[in-house]
Amino acid sequence: AGNPVRGNKRTACAQTIAKIVDEHEPWFAM
């Protein structure tokens, strides 16, 4: 059905980033 399965945290992260990336331009380094 297109829903994330166990172990897939990317879908939720992508949704959060989509809300803020244009205005806030977050940079990350690990």
Full PDB file with SEQRES, HELIX, SHEET, SSBOND, CRYST1, ORIGX, SCALE, CONECT and MASTER records, all heavy atoms in Angstrom:
SEQRES   1 A   30  ALA GLY ASN PRO VAL ARG GLY ASN LYS ARG THR ALA CYS          
SEQRES   2 A   30  ALA GLN THR ILE ALA LYS ILE VAL ASP GLU HIS GLU PRO          
SEQRES   3 A   30  TRP PHE ALA MET                                              
HELIX    1 AA1 ARG A   10  HIS A   24  1                                  15    
CRYST1    1.000    1.000    1.000  90.00  90.00  90.00 P 1           1          
ORIGX1      1.000000  0.000000  0.000000        0.00000                         
ORIGX2      0.000000  1.000000  0.000000        0.00000                         
ORIGX3      0.000000  0.000000  1.000000        0.00000                         
SCALE1      1.000000  0.000000  0.000000        0.00000                         
SCALE2      0.000000  1.000000  0.000000        0.00000                         
SCALE3      0.000000  0.000000  1.000000        0.00000                         
ATOM      1  N   ALA A   1       0.816  -1.217   0.000  1.00  0.00           N  
ATOM      2  CA  ALA A   1       0.000   0.000   0.000  1.00  0.00           C  
ATOM      3  C   ALA A   1       0.850   1.268   0.000  1.00  0.00           C  
ATOM      4  O   ALA A   1       0.315   2.378  -0.031  1.00  0.00           O  
ATOM      5  CB  ALA A   1      -0.923  -0.002   1.218  1.00  0.00           C  
ATOM      6  N   GLY A   2       2.179   1.095   0.029  1.00  0.00           N  
ATOM      7  CA  GLY A   2       3.077   2.245   0.013  1.00  0.00           C  
ATOM      8  C   GLY A   2       3.435   2.790   1.372  1.00  0.00           C  
ATOM      9  O   GLY A   2       4.028   3.871   1.483  1.00  0.00           O  
ATOM     10  N   ASN A   3       3.112   2.052   2.442  1.00  0.00           N  
ATOM     11  CA  ASN A   3       3.442   2.482   3.802  1.00  0.00           C  
ATOM     12  C   ASN A   3       4.804   1.925   4.223  1.00  0.00           C  
ATOM     13  O   ASN A   3       5.176   0.826   3.811  1.00  0.00           O  
ATOM     14  CB  ASN A   3       2.373   1.986   4.780  1.00  0.00           C  
ATOM     15  CG  ASN A   3       0.993   2.509   4.432  1.00  0.00           C  
ATOM     16  OD1 ASN A   3       0.810   3.703   4.227  1.00  0.00           O  
ATOM     17  ND2 ASN A   3       0.024   1.605   4.346  1.00  0.00           N  
ATOM     18  N   PRO A   4       5.543   2.663   5.055  1.00  0.00           N  
ATOM     19  CA  PRO A   4       6.856   2.169   5.494  1.00  0.00           C  
ATOM     20  C   PRO A   4       6.719   0.915   6.352  1.00  0.00           C  
ATOM     21  O   PRO A   4       5.821   0.828   7.188  1.00  0.00           O  
ATOM     22  CB  PRO A   4       7.425   3.330   6.309  1.00  0.00           C  
ATOM     23  CG  PRO A   4       6.222   4.122   6.735  1.00  0.00           C  
ATOM     24  CD  PRO A   4       5.230   3.986   5.619  1.00  0.00           C  
ATOM     25  N   VAL A   5       7.606  -0.053   6.141  1.00  0.00           N  
ATOM     26  CA  VAL A   5       7.612  -1.265   6.957  1.00  0.00           C  
ATOM     27  C   VAL A   5       8.597  -1.077   8.098  1.00  0.00           C  
ATOM     28  O   VAL A   5       9.295  -0.066   8.188  1.00  0.00           O  
ATOM     29  CB  VAL A   5       7.991  -2.506   6.114  1.00  0.00           C  
ATOM     30  CG1 VAL A   5       6.977  -2.744   5.007  1.00  0.00           C  
ATOM     31  CG2 VAL A   5       9.396  -2.357   5.529  1.00  0.00           C  
ATOM     32  N   ARG A   6       8.655  -2.060   8.990  1.00  0.00           N  
ATOM     33  CA  ARG A   6       9.561  -2.014  10.137  1.00  0.00           C  
ATOM     34  C   ARG A   6      10.997  -1.764   9.671  1.00  0.00           C  
ATOM     35  O   ARG A   6      11.488  -2.406   8.746  1.00  0.00           O  
ATOM     36  CB  ARG A   6       9.479  -3.328  10.912  1.00  0.00           C  
ATOM     37  CG  ARG A   6      10.268  -3.334  12.217  1.00  0.00           C  
ATOM     38  CD  ARG A   6      10.218  -4.703  12.890  1.00  0.00           C  
ATOM     39  NE  ARG A   6       8.850  -5.102  13.169  1.00  0.00           N  
ATOM     40  CZ  ARG A   6       8.243  -6.118  12.575  1.00  0.00           C  
ATOM     41  NH1 ARG A   6       8.881  -6.850  11.667  1.00  0.00           N  
ATOM     42  NH2 ARG A   6       7.005  -6.430  12.889  1.00  0.00           N  
ATOM     43  N   GLY A   7      11.655  -0.829  10.311  1.00  0.00           N  
ATOM     44  CA  GLY A   7      13.036  -0.492   9.947  1.00  0.00           C  
ATOM     45  C   GLY A   7      13.145   0.699   9.018  1.00  0.00           C  
ATOM     46  O   GLY A   7      14.229   1.254   8.863  1.00  0.00           O  
ATOM     47  N   ASN A   8      12.049   1.114   8.409  1.00  0.00           N  
ATOM     48  CA  ASN A   8      12.068   2.257   7.494  1.00  0.00           C  
ATOM     49  C   ASN A   8      11.648   3.518   8.237  1.00  0.00           C  
ATOM     50  O   ASN A   8      10.463   3.776   8.431  1.00  0.00           O  
ATOM     51  CB  ASN A   8      11.139   2.013   6.308  1.00  0.00           C  
ATOM     52  CG  ASN A   8      11.053   3.234   5.379  1.00  0.00           C  
ATOM     53  OD1 ASN A   8      11.780   4.205   5.555  1.00  0.00           O  
ATOM     54  ND2 ASN A   8      10.161   3.170   4.407  1.00  0.00           N  
ATOM     55  N   LYS A   9      12.632   4.313   8.658  1.00  0.00           N  
ATOM     56  CA  LYS A   9      12.371   5.587   9.319  1.00  0.00           C  
ATOM     57  C   LYS A   9      12.502   6.764   8.345  1.00  0.00           C  
ATOM     58  O   LYS A   9      12.295   7.912   8.724  1.00  0.00           O  
ATOM     59  CB  LYS A   9      13.353   5.783  10.483  1.00  0.00           C  
ATOM     60  CG  LYS A   9      13.385   4.640  11.493  1.00  0.00           C  
ATOM     61  CD  LYS A   9      12.053   4.445  12.177  1.00  0.00           C  
ATOM     62  CE  LYS A   9      12.140   3.358  13.241  1.00  0.00           C  
ATOM     63  NZ  LYS A   9      10.831   3.122  13.904  1.00  0.00           N  
ATOM     64  N   ARG A  10      12.861   6.459   7.109  1.00  0.00           N  
ATOM     65  CA  ARG A  10      13.098   7.531   6.150  1.00  0.00           C  
ATOM     66  C   ARG A  10      11.817   8.258   5.760  1.00  0.00           C  
ATOM     67  O   ARG A  10      11.818   9.488   5.585  1.00  0.00           O  
ATOM     68  CB  ARG A  10      13.774   6.984   4.890  1.00  0.00           C  
ATOM     69  CG  ARG A  10      14.232   8.092   3.940  1.00  0.00           C  
ATOM     70  CD  ARG A  10      14.781   7.544   2.632  1.00  0.00           C  
ATOM     71  NE  ARG A  10      15.439   8.572   1.853  1.00  0.00           N  
ATOM     72  CZ  ARG A  10      14.819   9.448   1.075  1.00  0.00           C  
ATOM     73  NH1 ARG A  10      13.495   9.415   0.978  1.00  0.00           N  
ATOM     74  NH2 ARG A  10      15.493  10.355   0.391  1.00  0.00           N  
ATOM     75  N   THR A  11      10.746   7.531   5.605  1.00  0.00           N  
ATOM     76  CA  THR A  11       9.498   8.137   5.148  1.00  0.00           C  
ATOM     77  C   THR A  11       9.075   9.272   6.074  1.00  0.00           C  
ATOM     78  O   THR A  11       8.753  10.378   5.630  1.00  0.00           O  
ATOM     79  CB  THR A  11       8.382   7.081   5.067  1.00  0.00           C  
ATOM     80  OG1 THR A  11       8.788   6.036   4.167  1.00  0.00           O  
ATOM     81  CG2 THR A  11       7.086   7.705   4.556  1.00  0.00           C  
ATOM     82  N   ALA A  12       9.089   9.021   7.393  1.00  0.00           N  
ATOM     83  CA  ALA A  12       8.703  10.041   8.364  1.00  0.00           C  
ATOM     84  C   ALA A  12       9.677  11.217   8.338  1.00  0.00           C  
ATOM     85  O   ALA A  12       9.270  12.388   8.409  1.00  0.00           O  
ATOM     86  CB  ALA A  12       8.637   9.438   9.759  1.00  0.00           C  
ATOM     87  N   CYS A  13      10.983  10.925   8.224  1.00  0.00           N  
ATOM     88  CA  CYS A  13      11.992  11.975   8.182  1.00  0.00           C  
ATOM     89  C   CYS A  13      11.802  12.867   6.958  1.00  0.00           C  
ATOM     90  O   CYS A  13      11.873  14.093   7.050  1.00  0.00           O  
ATOM     91  CB  CYS A  13      13.386  11.358   8.180  1.00  0.00           C  
ATOM     92  SG  CYS A  13      14.735  12.551   8.132  1.00  0.00           S  
ATOM     93  N   ALA A  14      11.532  12.254   5.824  1.00  0.00           N  
ATOM     94  CA  ALA A  14      11.337  13.013   4.588  1.00  0.00           C  
ATOM     95  C   ALA A  14      10.139  13.946   4.707  1.00  0.00           C  
ATOM     96  O   ALA A  14      10.164  15.081   4.197  1.00  0.00           O  
ATOM     97  CB  ALA A  14      11.159  12.061   3.412  1.00  0.00           C  
ATOM     98  N   GLN A  15       9.084  13.495   5.362  1.00  0.00           N  
ATOM     99  CA  GLN A  15       7.901  14.335   5.546  1.00  0.00           C  
ATOM    100  C   GLN A  15       8.215  15.546   6.424  1.00  0.00           C  
ATOM    101  O   GLN A  15       7.763  16.665   6.146  1.00  0.00           O  
ATOM    102  CB  GLN A  15       6.775  13.505   6.164  1.00  0.00           C  
ATOM    103  CG  GLN A  15       6.223  12.439   5.232  1.00  0.00           C  
ATOM    104  CD  GLN A  15       5.275  11.465   5.920  1.00  0.00           C  
ATOM    105  OE1 GLN A  15       5.157  11.453   7.152  1.00  0.00           O  
ATOM    106  NE2 GLN A  15       4.604  10.631   5.130  1.00  0.00           N  
ATOM    107  N   THR A  16       9.007  15.335   7.466  1.00  0.00           N  
ATOM    108  CA  THR A  16       9.395  16.446   8.339  1.00  0.00           C  
ATOM    109  C   THR A  16      10.281  17.431   7.599  1.00  0.00           C  
ATOM    110  O   THR A  16      10.071  18.656   7.664  1.00  0.00           O  
ATOM    111  CB  THR A  16      10.131  15.909   9.583  1.00  0.00           C  
ATOM    112  OG1 THR A  16       9.232  15.095  10.339  1.00  0.00           O  
ATOM    113  CG2 THR A  16      10.639  17.042  10.455  1.00  0.00           C  
ATOM    114  N   ILE A  17      11.280  16.924   6.889  1.00  0.00           N  
ATOM    115  CA  ILE A  17      12.203  17.790   6.154  1.00  0.00           C  
ATOM    116  C   ILE A  17      11.466  18.610   5.100  1.00  0.00           C  
ATOM    117  O   ILE A  17      11.764  19.796   4.884  1.00  0.00           O  
ATOM    118  CB  ILE A  17      13.329  16.956   5.506  1.00  0.00           C  
ATOM    119  CG1 ILE A  17      14.301  16.443   6.581  1.00  0.00           C  
ATOM    120  CG2 ILE A  17      14.083  17.764   4.462  1.00  0.00           C  
ATOM    121  CD1 ILE A  17      15.066  17.534   7.298  1.00  0.00           C  
ATOM    122  N   ALA A  18      10.486  18.008   4.437  1.00  0.00           N  
ATOM    123  CA  ALA A  18       9.734  18.706   3.394  1.00  0.00           C  
ATOM    124  C   ALA A  18       9.041  19.955   3.944  1.00  0.00           C  
ATOM    125  O   ALA A  18       8.847  20.942   3.217  1.00  0.00           O  
ATOM    126  CB  ALA A  18       8.713  17.770   2.762  1.00  0.00           C  
ATOM    127  N   LYS A  19       8.681  19.935   5.216  1.00  0.00           N  
ATOM    128  CA  LYS A  19       7.973  21.069   5.825  1.00  0.00           C  
ATOM    129  C   LYS A  19       8.888  22.254   6.094  1.00  0.00           C  
ATOM    130  O   LYS A  19       8.413  23.387   6.216  1.00  0.00           O  
ATOM    131  CB  LYS A  19       7.321  20.636   7.138  1.00  0.00           C  
ATOM    132  CG  LYS A  19       6.259  19.567   7.006  1.00  0.00           C  
ATOM    133  CD  LYS A  19       5.768  19.130   8.381  1.00  0.00           C  
ATOM    134  CE  LYS A  19       4.755  18.002   8.286  1.00  0.00           C  
ATOM    135  NZ  LYS A  19       4.318  17.531   9.634  1.00  0.00           N  
ATOM    136  N   ILE A  20      10.195  22.012   6.209  1.00  0.00           N  
ATOM    137  CA  ILE A  20      11.094  23.060   6.705  1.00  0.00           C  
ATOM    138  C   ILE A  20      12.267  23.384   5.798  1.00  0.00           C  
ATOM    139  O   ILE A  20      12.910  24.419   5.973  1.00  0.00           O  
ATOM    140  CB  ILE A  20      11.647  22.683   8.092  1.00  0.00           C  
ATOM    141  CG1 ILE A  20      12.539  21.438   7.978  1.00  0.00           C  
ATOM    142  CG2 ILE A  20      10.529  22.446   9.096  1.00  0.00           C  
ATOM    143  CD1 ILE A  20      13.289  21.106   9.248  1.00  0.00           C  
ATOM    144  N   VAL A  21      12.575  22.519   4.840  1.00  0.00           N  
ATOM    145  CA  VAL A  21      13.848  22.641   4.128  1.00  0.00           C  
ATOM    146  C   VAL A  21      13.981  23.953   3.379  1.00  0.00           C  
ATOM    147  O   VAL A  21      15.050  24.574   3.373  1.00  0.00           O  
ATOM    148  CB  VAL A  21      14.070  21.431   3.185  1.00  0.00           C  
ATOM    149  CG1 VAL A  21      13.042  21.401   2.061  1.00  0.00           C  
ATOM    150  CG2 VAL A  21      15.496  21.427   2.635  1.00  0.00           C  
ATOM    151  N   ASP A  22      12.922  24.431   2.722  1.00  0.00           N  
ATOM    152  CA  ASP A  22      13.026  25.663   1.934  1.00  0.00           C  
ATOM    153  C   ASP A  22      13.242  26.886   2.813  1.00  0.00           C  
ATOM    154  O   ASP A  22      14.062  27.756   2.493  1.00  0.00           O  
ATOM    155  CB  ASP A  22      11.765  25.849   1.081  1.00  0.00           C  
ATOM    156  CG  ASP A  22      11.644  24.812  -0.023  1.00  0.00           C  
ATOM    157  OD1 ASP A  22      12.686  24.249  -0.410  1.00  0.00           O  
ATOM    158  OD2 ASP A  22      10.517  24.558  -0.479  1.00  0.00           O  
ATOM    159  N   GLU A  23      12.529  26.953   3.922  1.00  0.00           N  
ATOM    160  CA  GLU A  23      12.625  28.124   4.794  1.00  0.00           C  
ATOM    161  C   GLU A  23      13.851  28.091   5.687  1.00  0.00           C  
ATOM    162  O   GLU A  23      14.511  29.119   5.897  1.00  0.00           O  
ATOM    163  CB  GLU A  23      11.364  28.237   5.652  1.00  0.00           C  
ATOM    164  CG  GLU A  23      11.378  29.428   6.603  1.00  0.00           C  
ATOM    165  CD  GLU A  23      10.132  29.518   7.468  1.00  0.00           C  
ATOM    166  OE1 GLU A  23       9.218  28.684   7.277  1.00  0.00           O  
ATOM    167  OE2 GLU A  23      10.073  30.410   8.337  1.00  0.00           O  
ATOM    168  N   HIS A  24      14.192  26.926   6.231  1.00  0.00           N  
ATOM    169  CA  HIS A  24      15.225  26.851   7.268  1.00  0.00           C  
ATOM    170  C   HIS A  24      16.564  26.285   6.797  1.00  0.00           C  
ATOM    171  O   HIS A  24      17.568  26.419   7.506  1.00  0.00           O  
ATOM    172  CB  HIS A  24      14.705  26.017   8.441  1.00  0.00           C  
ATOM    173  CG  HIS A  24      13.530  26.635   9.133  1.00  0.00           C  
ATOM    174  ND1 HIS A  24      13.656  27.608  10.097  1.00  0.00           N  
ATOM    175  CD2 HIS A  24      12.186  26.421   8.986  1.00  0.00           C  
ATOM    176  CE1 HIS A  24      12.456  27.970  10.527  1.00  0.00           C  
ATOM    177  NE2 HIS A  24      11.549  27.264   9.873  1.00  0.00           N  
ATOM    178  N   GLU A  25      16.593  25.614   5.649  1.00  0.00           N  
ATOM    179  CA  GLU A  25      17.838  25.073   5.084  1.00  0.00           C  
ATOM    180  C   GLU A  25      18.689  24.353   6.142  1.00  0.00           C  
ATOM    181  O   GLU A  25      19.825  24.746   6.421  1.00  0.00           O  
ATOM    182  CB  GLU A  25      18.665  26.180   4.436  1.00  0.00           C  
ATOM    183  CG  GLU A  25      18.042  26.774   3.194  1.00  0.00           C  
ATOM    184  CD  GLU A  25      18.929  27.841   2.559  1.00  0.00           C  
ATOM    185  OE1 GLU A  25      20.100  27.982   2.990  1.00  0.00           O  
ATOM    186  OE2 GLU A  25      18.453  28.539   1.645  1.00  0.00           O  
ATOM    187  N   PRO A  26      18.184  23.280   6.722  1.00  0.00           N  
ATOM    188  CA  PRO A  26      18.972  22.575   7.735  1.00  0.00           C  
ATOM    189  C   PRO A  26      20.152  21.829   7.115  1.00  0.00           C  
ATOM    190  O   PRO A  26      20.016  21.175   6.090  1.00  0.00           O  
ATOM    191  CB  PRO A  26      17.960  21.594   8.340  1.00  0.00           C  
ATOM    192  CG  PRO A  26      16.977  21.344   7.236  1.00  0.00           C  
ATOM    193  CD  PRO A  26      16.866  22.641   6.487  1.00  0.00           C  
ATOM    194  N   TRP A  27      21.315  21.955   7.759  1.00  0.00           N  
ATOM    195  CA  TRP A  27      22.517  21.222   7.366  1.00  0.00           C  
ATOM    196  C   TRP A  27      22.816  20.178   8.442  1.00  0.00           C  
ATOM    197  O   TRP A  27      22.673  20.437   9.637  1.00  0.00           O  
ATOM    198  CB  TRP A  27      23.725  22.152   7.269  1.00  0.00           C  
ATOM    199  CG  TRP A  27      23.678  23.170   6.172  1.00  0.00           C  
ATOM    200  CD1 TRP A  27      22.674  23.388   5.276  1.00  0.00           C  
ATOM    201  CD2 TRP A  27      24.700  24.138   5.887  1.00  0.00           C  
ATOM    202  NE1 TRP A  27      22.995  24.423   4.438  1.00  0.00           N  
ATOM    203  CE2 TRP A  27      24.227  24.899   4.778  1.00  0.00           C  
ATOM    204  CE3 TRP A  27      25.935  24.431   6.433  1.00  0.00           C  
ATOM    205  CZ2 TRP A  27      24.984  25.951   4.235  1.00  0.00           C  
ATOM    206  CZ3 TRP A  27      26.679  25.468   5.894  1.00  0.00           C  
ATOM    207  CH2 TRP A  27      26.217  26.201   4.804  1.00  0.00           C  
ATOM    208  N   PHE A  28      23.257  19.001   7.991  1.00  0.00           N  
ATOM    209  CA  PHE A  28      23.580  17.926   8.921  1.00  0.00           C  
ATOM    210  C   PHE A  28      24.921  17.291   8.558  1.00  0.00           C  
ATOM    211  O   PHE A  28      25.259  17.152   7.384  1.00  0.00           O  
ATOM    212  CB  PHE A  28      22.495  16.844   8.893  1.00  0.00           C  
ATOM    213  CG  PHE A  28      21.120  17.346   9.239  1.00  0.00           C  
ATOM    214  CD1 PHE A  28      20.217  17.662   8.235  1.00  0.00           C  
ATOM    215  CD2 PHE A  28      20.753  17.524  10.562  1.00  0.00           C  
ATOM    216  CE1 PHE A  28      18.954  18.141   8.549  1.00  0.00           C  
ATOM    217  CE2 PHE A  28      19.495  18.006  10.886  1.00  0.00           C  
ATOM    218  CZ  PHE A  28      18.591  18.310   9.877  1.00  0.00           C  
ATOM    219  N   ALA A  29      25.652  16.901   9.596  1.00  0.00           N  
ATOM    220  CA  ALA A  29      26.889  16.132   9.426  1.00  0.00           C  
ATOM    221  C   ALA A  29      27.007  15.207  10.623  1.00  0.00           C  
ATOM    222  O   ALA A  29      26.823  15.639  11.767  1.00  0.00           O  
ATOM    223  CB  ALA A  29      28.106  17.042   9.327  1.00  0.00           C  
ATOM    224  N   MET A  30      27.296  13.942  10.376  1.00  0.00           N  
ATOM    225  CA  MET A  30      27.357  12.970  11.467  1.00  0.00           C  
ATOM    226  C   MET A  30      28.761  12.392  11.595  1.00  0.00           C  
ATOM    227  O   MET A  30      29.403  12.058  10.594  1.00  0.00           O  
ATOM    228  CB  MET A  30      26.339  11.847  11.236  1.00  0.00           C  
ATOM    229  CG  MET A  30      26.202  10.868  12.389  1.00  0.00           C  
ATOM    230  SD  MET A  30      24.721   9.819  12.258  1.00  0.00           S  
ATOM    231  CE  MET A  30      23.601  10.671  13.372  1.00  0.00           C  
TER     232      MET A  30                                                      
MASTER        0    0    0    1    0    0    0    6  231    1    0    3          
END                                                                             
